[in-house]
Amino acid sequence: MSIRATYQPQIDEFMSNLESFATGDYLNEDEKEFWDQPFDPKALPSLRTILERLFDAFDALPDDPSGEQLKGAVTPFFTELEAFNRKNADAILEPEEKQELNELISQAAADTGADDEALGELPELD
């Protein structure tokens, strides 16, 4: 099974949680009186696309990739995620979401067969 296929359920859950947060569907009707939508949920399909392409990039790496190869695979997507978030007033990927993504990305990188030294070079979303 590909790395993307392995992590697709976690990507789906991450996106579902963001959609729930954006739409307020986790709130009771009486709790929505003073609730403001934190961001437009219409932005989420673009985020899903970026994340799925990022996890596809792990599948394109050779077995036991170097730290440089891992870095080269994720850095363009981190740049894209940061631009996406700026475009959305930095309201979608907040520290909690970035931490969750960093954990998923770290796990996926480990699944490539990279050694600890290479994994130590893996950048994180700030």
N, C-alpha and C. Protein backbone atom coordinates (compact mmCIF):
# COMPACT_ATOMS: atom_id res chain seq x y z
N MET A 1 0.84 -1.17 0.00
CA MET A 1 0.00 0.00 0.00
C MET A 1 0.89 1.24 0.00
N SER A 2 0.48 2.24 -0.75
CA SER A 2 1.27 3.46 -0.83
C SER A 2 1.17 4.26 0.47
N ILE A 3 2.11 5.14 0.65
CA ILE A 3 2.09 6.00 1.83
C ILE A 3 0.85 6.88 1.80
N ARG A 4 0.55 7.41 0.64
CA ARG A 4 -0.66 8.25 0.51
C ARG A 4 -1.90 7.46 0.91
N ALA A 5 -2.04 6.23 0.42
CA ALA A 5 -3.21 5.41 0.75
C ALA A 5 -3.25 5.10 2.25
N THR A 6 -2.08 4.86 2.82
CA THR A 6 -2.00 4.58 4.25
C THR A 6 -2.50 5.76 5.08
N TYR A 7 -2.14 6.96 4.67
CA TYR A 7 -2.47 8.15 5.45
C TYR A 7 -3.74 8.87 4.99
N GLN A 8 -4.37 8.37 3.93
CA GLN A 8 -5.59 9.03 3.45
C GLN A 8 -6.67 9.12 4.54
N PRO A 9 -6.89 8.08 5.35
CA PRO A 9 -7.90 8.22 6.41
C PRO A 9 -7.58 9.36 7.40
N GLN A 10 -6.31 9.55 7.72
CA GLN A 10 -5.94 10.64 8.63
C GLN A 10 -6.12 12.00 7.95
N ILE A 11 -5.80 12.06 6.66
CA ILE A 11 -6.02 13.30 5.91
C ILE A 11 -7.52 13.61 5.89
N ASP A 12 -8.33 12.59 5.62
CA ASP A 12 -9.78 12.78 5.58
C ASP A 12 -10.31 13.26 6.93
N GLU A 13 -9.82 12.67 8.00
CA GLU A 13 -10.27 13.08 9.34
C GLU A 13 -9.83 14.51 9.65
N PHE A 14 -8.61 14.85 9.29
CA PHE A 14 -8.10 16.21 9.49
C PHE A 14 -8.98 17.21 8.76
N MET A 15 -9.31 16.90 7.51
CA MET A 15 -10.14 17.80 6.71
C MET A 15 -11.56 17.87 7.26
N SER A 16 -12.08 16.77 7.70
CA SER A 16 -13.43 16.74 8.29
C SER A 16 -13.49 17.61 9.54
N ASN A 17 -12.47 17.52 10.37
CA ASN A 17 -12.42 18.34 11.58
C ASN A 17 -12.37 19.83 11.24
N LEU A 18 -11.59 20.18 10.21
CA LEU A 18 -11.52 21.58 9.80
C LEU A 18 -12.86 22.06 9.25
N GLU A 19 -13.51 21.21 8.48
CA GLU A 19 -14.82 21.59 7.93
C GLU A 19 -15.84 21.79 9.05
N SER A 20 -15.82 20.91 10.02
CA SER A 20 -16.72 21.04 11.16
C SER A 20 -16.45 22.34 11.91
N PHE A 21 -15.18 22.66 12.08
CA PHE A 21 -14.80 23.90 12.75
C PHE A 21 -15.26 25.12 11.95
N ALA A 22 -15.10 25.06 10.62
CA ALA A 22 -15.45 26.19 9.75
C ALA A 22 -16.95 26.42 9.66
N THR A 23 -17.71 25.35 9.72
CA THR A 23 -19.17 25.47 9.56
C THR A 23 -19.90 25.56 10.89
N GLY A 24 -19.22 25.22 11.97
CA GLY A 24 -19.86 25.25 13.28
C GLY A 24 -20.85 24.13 13.50
N ASP A 25 -20.77 23.09 12.67
CA ASP A 25 -21.76 22.01 12.80
C ASP A 25 -21.59 21.18 14.08
N TYR A 26 -20.54 21.45 14.81
CA TYR A 26 -20.34 20.78 16.09
C TYR A 26 -21.09 21.50 17.22
N LEU A 27 -21.63 22.68 16.92
CA LEU A 27 -22.33 23.48 17.92
C LEU A 27 -23.83 23.19 17.91
N ASN A 28 -24.45 23.35 19.05
CA ASN A 28 -25.91 23.31 19.12
C ASN A 28 -26.44 24.63 18.59
N GLU A 29 -27.68 24.66 18.14
CA GLU A 29 -28.24 25.88 17.58
C GLU A 29 -28.14 27.06 18.55
N ASP A 30 -28.40 26.83 19.83
CA ASP A 30 -28.35 27.93 20.80
C ASP A 30 -26.92 28.42 21.05
N GLU A 31 -25.92 27.66 20.65
CA GLU A 31 -24.53 28.06 20.82
C GLU A 31 -24.02 28.90 19.65
N LYS A 32 -24.80 28.97 18.57
CA LYS A 32 -24.36 29.68 17.37
C LYS A 32 -24.69 31.17 17.39
N GLU A 33 -25.42 31.62 18.39
CA GLU A 33 -25.86 33.02 18.43
C GLU A 33 -24.68 33.98 18.33
N PHE A 34 -23.62 33.74 19.05
CA PHE A 34 -22.47 34.64 19.06
C PHE A 34 -21.26 34.05 18.34
N TRP A 35 -21.48 32.98 17.61
CA TRP A 35 -20.40 32.31 16.90
C TRP A 35 -20.10 33.02 15.58
N ASP A 36 -18.84 33.20 15.27
CA ASP A 36 -18.42 33.75 13.99
C ASP A 36 -17.64 32.69 13.24
N GLN A 37 -17.93 32.58 11.97
CA GLN A 37 -17.22 31.60 11.14
C GLN A 37 -15.74 31.99 11.08
N PRO A 38 -14.83 31.07 11.46
CA PRO A 38 -13.41 31.41 11.50
C PRO A 38 -12.76 31.54 10.12
N PHE A 39 -13.29 30.81 9.14
CA PHE A 39 -12.78 30.88 7.77
C PHE A 39 -13.81 30.25 6.85
N ASP A 40 -13.67 30.56 5.56
CA ASP A 40 -14.60 30.05 4.56
C ASP A 40 -14.27 28.59 4.24
N PRO A 41 -15.22 27.69 4.47
CA PRO A 41 -14.95 26.27 4.18
C PRO A 41 -14.69 25.99 2.70
N LYS A 42 -15.00 26.94 1.83
CA LYS A 42 -14.74 26.77 0.40
C LYS A 42 -13.24 26.71 0.10
N ALA A 43 -12.42 27.13 1.06
CA ALA A 43 -10.96 27.07 0.88
C ALA A 43 -10.41 25.67 1.11
N LEU A 44 -11.18 24.82 1.77
CA LEU A 44 -10.66 23.51 2.19
C LEU A 44 -10.32 22.55 1.05
N PRO A 45 -11.05 22.53 -0.07
CA PRO A 45 -10.62 21.63 -1.15
C PRO A 45 -9.19 21.91 -1.64
N SER A 46 -8.80 23.17 -1.65
CA SER A 46 -7.42 23.50 -2.05
C SER A 46 -6.42 22.93 -1.06
N LEU A 47 -6.74 23.01 0.21
CA LEU A 47 -5.86 22.45 1.24
C LEU A 47 -5.76 20.94 1.09
N ARG A 48 -6.88 20.29 0.85
CA ARG A 48 -6.87 18.83 0.66
C ARG A 48 -5.94 18.46 -0.50
N THR A 49 -6.03 19.20 -1.59
CA THR A 49 -5.19 18.93 -2.76
C THR A 49 -3.71 19.04 -2.41
N ILE A 50 -3.35 20.09 -1.69
CA ILE A 50 -1.94 20.27 -1.30
C ILE A 50 -1.48 19.10 -0.43
N LEU A 51 -2.29 18.74 0.55
CA LEU A 51 -1.90 17.65 1.46
C LEU A 51 -1.79 16.31 0.73
N GLU A 52 -2.71 16.03 -0.16
CA GLU A 52 -2.65 14.76 -0.89
C GLU A 52 -1.44 14.72 -1.80
N ARG A 53 -1.10 15.84 -2.42
CA ARG A 53 0.10 15.88 -3.25
C ARG A 53 1.36 15.70 -2.39
N LEU A 54 1.36 16.28 -1.19
CA LEU A 54 2.49 16.12 -0.27
C LEU A 54 2.70 14.65 0.07
N PHE A 55 1.63 13.95 0.41
CA PHE A 55 1.77 12.53 0.76
C PHE A 55 2.09 11.69 -0.46
N ASP A 56 1.65 12.11 -1.65
CA ASP A 56 2.07 11.44 -2.89
C ASP A 56 3.58 11.57 -3.08
N ALA A 57 4.14 12.71 -2.67
CA ALA A 57 5.58 12.94 -2.85
C ALA A 57 6.41 11.93 -2.07
N PHE A 58 5.90 11.46 -0.94
CA PHE A 58 6.63 10.43 -0.19
C PHE A 58 6.73 9.14 -1.00
N ASP A 59 5.69 8.83 -1.76
CA ASP A 59 5.70 7.62 -2.57
C ASP A 59 6.72 7.70 -3.71
N ALA A 60 7.06 8.92 -4.12
CA ALA A 60 8.01 9.10 -5.21
C ALA A 60 9.46 8.99 -4.74
N LEU A 61 9.68 8.99 -3.43
CA LEU A 61 11.04 8.89 -2.90
C LEU A 61 11.56 7.46 -3.01
N PRO A 62 12.88 7.32 -3.13
CA PRO A 62 13.44 5.96 -3.10
C PRO A 62 13.35 5.38 -1.69
N ASP A 63 13.52 4.08 -1.59
CA ASP A 63 13.58 3.47 -0.26
C ASP A 63 14.79 4.03 0.48
N ASP A 64 14.65 4.22 1.77
CA ASP A 64 15.73 4.74 2.62
C ASP A 64 16.27 6.07 2.09
N PRO A 65 15.40 7.08 1.93
CA PRO A 65 15.87 8.36 1.38
C PRO A 65 16.77 9.09 2.38
N SER A 66 17.60 9.95 1.83
CA SER A 66 18.48 10.77 2.66
C SER A 66 17.67 11.94 3.25
N GLY A 67 18.28 12.61 4.20
CA GLY A 67 17.65 13.79 4.77
C GLY A 67 17.41 14.86 3.72
N GLU A 68 18.38 14.99 2.83
CA GLU A 68 18.25 15.97 1.75
C GLU A 68 17.07 15.63 0.84
N GLN A 69 16.89 14.35 0.54
CA GLN A 69 15.76 13.94 -0.30
C GLN A 69 14.43 14.19 0.41
N LEU A 70 14.37 13.90 1.71
CA LEU A 70 13.14 14.17 2.47
C LEU A 70 12.84 15.66 2.47
N LYS A 71 13.86 16.44 2.75
CA LYS A 71 13.70 17.89 2.77
C LYS A 71 13.24 18.41 1.41
N GLY A 72 13.84 17.89 0.36
CA GLY A 72 13.46 18.30 -0.98
C GLY A 72 12.03 17.93 -1.33
N ALA A 73 11.55 16.84 -0.75
CA ALA A 73 10.18 16.40 -1.03
C ALA A 73 9.15 17.27 -0.32
N VAL A 74 9.42 17.67 0.92
CA VAL A 74 8.40 18.38 1.70
C VAL A 74 8.49 19.90 1.61
N THR A 75 9.67 20.45 1.41
CA THR A 75 9.84 21.90 1.44
C THR A 75 8.93 22.64 0.47
N PRO A 76 8.80 22.22 -0.79
CA PRO A 76 7.89 22.95 -1.69
C PRO A 76 6.45 22.96 -1.18
N PHE A 77 6.04 21.88 -0.55
CA PHE A 77 4.67 21.81 -0.04
C PHE A 77 4.50 22.68 1.20
N PHE A 78 5.54 22.77 2.01
CA PHE A 78 5.47 23.65 3.18
C PHE A 78 5.32 25.10 2.72
N THR A 79 6.06 25.45 1.68
CA THR A 79 5.95 26.80 1.11
C THR A 79 4.53 27.03 0.60
N GLU A 80 3.98 26.02 -0.07
CA GLU A 80 2.62 26.12 -0.59
C GLU A 80 1.59 26.21 0.54
N LEU A 81 1.78 25.43 1.60
CA LEU A 81 0.86 25.48 2.74
C LEU A 81 0.91 26.85 3.43
N GLU A 82 2.10 27.40 3.56
CA GLU A 82 2.24 28.72 4.18
C GLU A 82 1.57 29.79 3.34
N ALA A 83 1.73 29.72 2.01
CA ALA A 83 1.07 30.68 1.12
C ALA A 83 -0.45 30.52 1.19
N PHE A 84 -0.91 29.28 1.21
CA PHE A 84 -2.34 29.00 1.32
C PHE A 84 -2.89 29.62 2.61
N ASN A 85 -2.20 29.43 3.70
CA ASN A 85 -2.67 29.94 4.99
C ASN A 85 -2.67 31.47 5.01
N ARG A 86 -1.62 32.08 4.45
CA ARG A 86 -1.58 33.56 4.37
C ARG A 86 -2.76 34.07 3.56
N LYS A 87 -3.05 33.40 2.46
CA LYS A 87 -4.17 33.79 1.59
C LYS A 87 -5.49 33.74 2.35
N ASN A 88 -5.56 32.90 3.36
CA ASN A 88 -6.77 32.74 4.16
C ASN A 88 -6.62 33.36 5.55
N ALA A 89 -5.92 34.47 5.60
CA ALA A 89 -5.75 35.27 6.82
C ALA A 89 -5.15 34.47 7.98
N ASP A 90 -4.33 33.48 7.65
CA ASP A 90 -3.70 32.63 8.68
C ASP A 90 -4.71 32.03 9.65
N ALA A 91 -5.92 31.79 9.14
CA ALA A 91 -7.01 31.33 10.01
C ALA A 91 -7.25 29.83 9.95
N ILE A 92 -6.65 29.14 9.00
CA ILE A 92 -6.96 27.71 8.84
C ILE A 92 -5.93 26.84 9.54
N LEU A 93 -4.67 27.06 9.22
CA LEU A 93 -3.61 26.26 9.84
C LEU A 93 -3.03 27.02 11.03
N GLU A 94 -3.63 26.79 12.17
CA GLU A 94 -3.17 27.40 13.40
C GLU A 94 -2.19 26.43 14.06
N PRO A 95 -1.54 26.82 15.15
CA PRO A 95 -0.52 25.95 15.75
C PRO A 95 -0.98 24.51 16.00
N GLU A 96 -2.19 24.32 16.44
CA GLU A 96 -2.68 22.96 16.70
C GLU A 96 -2.73 22.13 15.42
N GLU A 97 -3.22 22.73 14.34
CA GLU A 97 -3.29 22.02 13.06
C GLU A 97 -1.90 21.76 12.51
N LYS A 98 -1.01 22.73 12.65
CA LYS A 98 0.36 22.53 12.18
C LYS A 98 1.04 21.40 12.93
N GLN A 99 0.81 21.33 14.24
CA GLN A 99 1.39 20.25 15.04
C GLN A 99 0.86 18.90 14.57
N GLU A 100 -0.44 18.84 14.33
CA GLU A 100 -1.03 17.58 13.86
C GLU A 100 -0.44 17.17 12.51
N LEU A 101 -0.30 18.15 11.61
CA LEU A 101 0.31 17.85 10.31
C LEU A 101 1.76 17.43 10.46
N ASN A 102 2.52 18.12 11.32
CA ASN A 102 3.92 17.74 11.54
C ASN A 102 4.03 16.29 12.01
N GLU A 103 3.13 15.87 12.88
CA GLU A 103 3.15 14.48 13.36
C GLU A 103 2.85 13.50 12.22
N LEU A 104 1.85 13.81 11.41
CA LEU A 104 1.51 12.92 10.29
C LEU A 104 2.66 12.85 9.28
N ILE A 105 3.23 14.01 8.99
CA ILE A 105 4.33 14.07 8.02
C ILE A 105 5.54 13.31 8.54
N SER A 106 5.83 13.44 9.81
CA SER A 106 6.95 12.72 10.42
C SER A 106 6.73 11.21 10.34
N GLN A 107 5.52 10.77 10.63
CA GLN A 107 5.20 9.34 10.54
C GLN A 107 5.32 8.84 9.10
N ALA A 108 4.81 9.63 8.16
CA ALA A 108 4.89 9.23 6.75
C ALA A 108 6.34 9.18 6.29
N ALA A 109 7.15 10.14 6.74
CA ALA A 109 8.57 10.15 6.37
C ALA A 109 9.25 8.90 6.91
N ALA A 110 8.91 8.50 8.12
CA ALA A 110 9.50 7.29 8.70
C ALA A 110 9.09 6.06 7.89
N ASP A 111 7.88 6.08 7.35
CA ASP A 111 7.40 4.95 6.55
C ASP A 111 8.13 4.81 5.21
N THR A 112 8.92 5.82 4.83
CA THR A 112 9.71 5.69 3.60
C THR A 112 10.91 4.79 3.81
N GLY A 113 11.22 4.51 5.07
CA GLY A 113 12.41 3.71 5.37
C GLY A 113 13.61 4.57 5.70
N ALA A 114 13.41 5.88 5.80
CA ALA A 114 14.51 6.78 6.14
C ALA A 114 15.05 6.45 7.53
N ASP A 115 16.37 6.58 7.68
CA ASP A 115 16.96 6.31 9.00
C ASP A 115 16.79 7.53 9.91
N ASP A 116 17.15 7.36 11.17
CA ASP A 116 16.95 8.42 12.17
C ASP A 116 17.69 9.71 11.80
N GLU A 117 18.87 9.56 11.24
CA GLU A 117 19.64 10.74 10.85
C GLU A 117 18.89 11.53 9.78
N ALA A 118 18.37 10.84 8.78
CA ALA A 118 17.62 11.50 7.71
C ALA A 118 16.35 12.13 8.27
N LEU A 119 15.67 11.41 9.15
CA LEU A 119 14.43 11.93 9.74
C LEU A 119 14.71 13.17 10.58
N GLY A 120 15.89 13.25 11.16
CA GLY A 120 16.27 14.42 11.94
C GLY A 120 16.40 15.68 11.11
N GLU A 121 16.57 15.52 9.80
CA GLU A 121 16.69 16.67 8.90
C GLU A 121 15.35 17.13 8.35
N LEU A 122 14.30 16.39 8.66
CA LEU A 122 12.97 16.73 8.16
C LEU A 122 12.51 18.06 8.76
N PRO A 123 12.19 19.04 7.92
CA PRO A 123 11.71 20.32 8.47
C PRO A 123 10.29 20.17 9.01
N GLU A 124 9.86 21.16 9.77
CA GLU A 124 8.50 21.17 10.31
C GLU A 124 7.81 22.46 9.91
N LEU A 125 6.49 22.40 9.84
CA LEU A 125 5.70 23.61 9.65
C LEU A 125 5.82 24.47 10.89
N ASP A 126 6.02 25.77 10.69
CA ASP A 126 6.11 26.69 11.84
C ASP A 126 4.78 27.37 12.04
